[in-house]
Amino acid sequence: MNAYTERDVEFMRQALSEGRKCSSVETAYNVGAVITTSDGKRVVATGYSRKYPGNTHAEQCALMDLAEESADCDGQTRGLVMYTTMEPCSKRLSGNKPCSQGIMESGIDTVFVGVMEPDHFVNCTGAKDLVDKGIKVIHIEELEAECKALNSHLVLN
């Protein structure tokens, strides 16, 4: 089991704040995401579900913002860390690229998750897919209830 620090908890709380910006819909989760430098000194991008048009997911929006901000990172994205309130998706019903694939392509090497994705819409294997590609996935269990609460508009099993 991988350990996490109080700093990681604070970044997940920032992801929760992003997730609270979502407008709830019955066909999607509310999720927030934050991307930081590997040393945790700076947040380089944030996102939340449906921040941009096209049924965008939180991780996707954060990665889109990261692409715009990459000049501030000298174009370097290797070693960045993502905090997301829900396990990154591995399948999209909308046809968009799965978030786990976007993370793998981005160079992010550690992903902290608040809750694993329930099998409400699809059977998600995002965390497993990331681990299989050598990306660390760490579950911040102490914030799981808060992360689940972002989706109180859905009837989840």
Protein backbone atom coordinates (compact mmCIF):
# COMPACT_ATOMS: atom_id res chain seq x y z
CA MET A 1 0.00 0.00 0.00
CA ASN A 2 1.38 3.38 -0.98
CA ALA A 3 1.42 6.10 1.63
CA TYR A 4 0.29 9.66 1.19
CA THR A 5 1.08 12.85 3.07
CA GLU A 6 -0.96 15.67 4.54
CA ARG A 7 0.10 17.75 1.52
CA ASP A 8 -1.50 15.12 -0.74
CA VAL A 9 -4.70 15.37 1.31
CA GLU A 10 -4.70 19.15 0.82
CA PHE A 11 -4.31 18.79 -2.94
CA MET A 12 -7.20 16.31 -2.96
CA ARG A 13 -9.25 18.88 -1.03
CA GLN A 14 -8.47 21.33 -3.86
CA ALA A 15 -9.72 18.70 -6.32
CA LEU A 16 -12.90 18.44 -4.25
CA SER A 17 -13.32 22.21 -4.53
CA GLU A 18 -13.00 21.89 -8.30
CA GLY A 19 -15.59 19.09 -8.29
CA ARG A 20 -18.07 21.31 -6.47
CA LYS A 21 -18.06 23.64 -9.51
CA CYS A 22 -19.79 20.97 -11.63
CA SER A 23 -23.37 21.41 -12.71
CA SER A 24 -24.97 18.06 -11.92
CA VAL A 25 -26.50 15.95 -14.69
CA GLU A 26 -28.13 12.52 -14.44
CA THR A 27 -25.83 11.01 -17.05
CA ALA A 28 -22.40 11.80 -15.59
CA TYR A 29 -20.31 12.03 -12.46
CA ASN A 30 -19.12 15.24 -10.83
CA VAL A 31 -15.34 15.05 -10.54
CA GLY A 32 -12.56 17.51 -9.78
CA ALA A 33 -8.87 17.28 -10.70
CA VAL A 34 -5.65 19.11 -9.87
CA ILE A 35 -2.21 18.67 -11.45
CA THR A 36 0.89 19.69 -9.49
CA THR A 37 4.61 19.75 -9.98
CA SER A 38 6.36 16.63 -8.67
CA ASP A 39 7.68 18.53 -5.66
CA GLY A 40 4.18 19.77 -4.81
CA LYS A 41 5.28 23.40 -4.86
CA ARG A 42 2.89 24.53 -7.57
CA VAL A 43 -0.51 23.69 -9.02
CA VAL A 44 -0.09 23.80 -12.80
CA ALA A 45 -3.64 22.93 -13.93
CA THR A 46 -7.13 22.23 -12.62
CA GLY A 47 -10.32 20.85 -14.05
CA TYR A 48 -13.83 19.73 -13.28
CA SER A 49 -16.44 17.74 -15.15
CA ARG A 50 -18.06 19.68 -18.00
CA LYS A 51 -15.76 22.69 -17.55
CA TYR A 52 -15.55 22.80 -21.34
CA PRO A 53 -18.16 21.83 -23.96
CA GLY A 54 -18.35 18.29 -25.28
CA ASN A 55 -19.06 16.21 -22.15
CA THR A 56 -15.53 16.82 -20.87
CA HIS A 57 -14.24 15.03 -17.78
CA ALA A 58 -12.27 16.67 -14.98
CA GLU A 59 -8.98 14.97 -15.84
CA GLN A 60 -9.45 15.81 -19.52
CA CYS A 61 -10.06 19.49 -18.68
CA ALA A 62 -7.00 19.62 -16.42
CA LEU A 63 -4.89 18.06 -19.17
CA MET A 64 -6.27 20.60 -21.67
CA ASP A 65 -5.32 23.42 -19.31
CA LEU A 66 -1.91 21.81 -18.78
CA ALA A 67 -1.29 21.87 -22.54
CA GLU A 68 -1.93 25.63 -22.50
CA GLU A 69 0.29 26.10 -19.44
CA SER A 70 3.11 23.80 -20.59
CA ALA A 71 5.19 26.80 -21.56
CA ASP A 72 5.35 27.61 -17.83
CA CYS A 73 6.77 24.12 -17.26
CA ASP A 74 9.23 24.57 -20.14
CA GLY A 75 7.14 22.00 -22.00
CA GLN A 76 8.06 19.35 -19.44
CA THR A 77 5.18 17.24 -18.16
CA ARG A 78 7.14 14.19 -17.01
CA GLY A 79 6.89 13.62 -13.30
CA LEU A 80 3.79 15.72 -12.72
CA VAL A 81 1.19 14.50 -10.22
CA MET A 82 -2.59 14.37 -10.65
CA TYR A 83 -5.19 14.41 -7.87
CA THR A 84 -8.66 13.37 -8.98
CA THR A 85 -11.74 12.79 -6.87
CA MET A 86 -12.65 9.67 -8.88
CA GLU A 87 -10.68 6.96 -10.63
CA PRO A 88 -9.88 8.10 -14.20
CA CYS A 89 -12.24 6.53 -16.73
CA SER A 90 -11.10 3.75 -19.03
CA LYS A 91 -14.09 3.86 -21.36
CA ARG A 92 -16.22 6.76 -22.63
CA LEU A 93 -19.77 6.29 -23.84
CA SER A 94 -19.46 9.67 -25.60
CA GLY A 95 -16.63 8.44 -27.81
CA ASN A 96 -14.09 10.85 -26.30
CA LYS A 97 -10.64 9.54 -25.37
CA PRO A 98 -10.65 7.86 -21.94
CA CYS A 99 -8.98 9.91 -19.23
CA SER A 100 -6.65 7.05 -18.29
CA GLN A 101 -5.29 7.09 -21.85
CA GLY A 102 -4.80 10.86 -21.73
CA ILE A 103 -2.90 10.53 -18.46
CA MET A 104 -0.67 7.80 -19.91
CA GLU A 105 0.13 10.03 -22.89
CA SER A 106 0.79 13.09 -20.71
CA GLY A 107 3.81 11.89 -18.77
CA ILE A 108 2.11 12.17 -15.38
CA ASP A 109 3.67 9.48 -13.23
CA THR A 110 1.51 9.50 -10.08
CA VAL A 111 -2.27 9.72 -9.73
CA PHE A 112 -4.04 10.11 -6.39
CA VAL A 113 -7.72 9.12 -6.39
CA GLY A 114 -10.44 9.85 -3.87
CA VAL A 115 -12.82 7.06 -4.83
CA MET A 116 -12.81 4.21 -7.32
CA GLU A 117 -15.39 4.64 -10.10
CA PRO A 118 -18.61 2.72 -9.36
CA ASP A 119 -19.95 0.41 -12.09
CA HIS A 120 -22.90 2.77 -12.59
CA PHE A 121 -22.27 3.71 -16.23
CA VAL A 122 -19.38 1.46 -17.35
CA ASN A 123 -17.02 -1.09 -15.85
CA CYS A 124 -13.95 1.05 -15.18
CA THR A 125 -10.40 -0.32 -15.24
CA GLY A 126 -8.64 3.07 -15.23
CA ALA A 127 -6.54 2.52 -12.10
CA LYS A 128 -5.45 -0.95 -13.24
CA ASP A 129 -4.62 0.36 -16.72
CA LEU A 130 -2.46 3.13 -15.24
CA VAL A 131 -0.63 0.74 -12.90
CA ASP A 132 -0.06 -1.65 -15.81
CA LYS A 133 1.72 1.23 -17.62
CA GLY A 134 3.94 1.96 -14.61
CA ILE A 135 1.97 4.92 -13.25
CA LYS A 136 1.54 4.96 -9.47
CA VAL A 137 -2.07 5.09 -8.31
CA ILE A 138 -2.67 5.99 -4.66
CA HIS A 139 -6.10 5.95 -3.03
CA ILE A 140 -6.65 8.68 -0.42
CA GLU A 141 -9.20 6.71 1.55
CA GLU A 142 -9.80 9.30 4.27
CA LEU A 143 -11.57 11.59 1.76
CA GLU A 144 -13.59 8.87 0.05
CA ALA A 145 -16.92 9.88 1.65
CA GLU A 146 -16.46 13.51 0.55
CA CYS A 147 -15.55 12.41 -2.97
CA LYS A 148 -18.62 10.17 -3.16
CA ALA A 149 -20.80 13.04 -1.89
CA LEU A 150 -20.00 15.02 -5.05
CA ASN A 151 -22.29 12.53 -6.78
CA SER A 152 -25.25 12.54 -4.42
CA HIS A 153 -27.41 13.49 -7.43
CA LEU A 154 -26.97 9.92 -8.74
CA VAL A 155 -28.39 6.77 -7.24
CA LEU A 156 -25.23 4.70 -6.85
CA ASN A 157 -25.06 1.11 -5.63
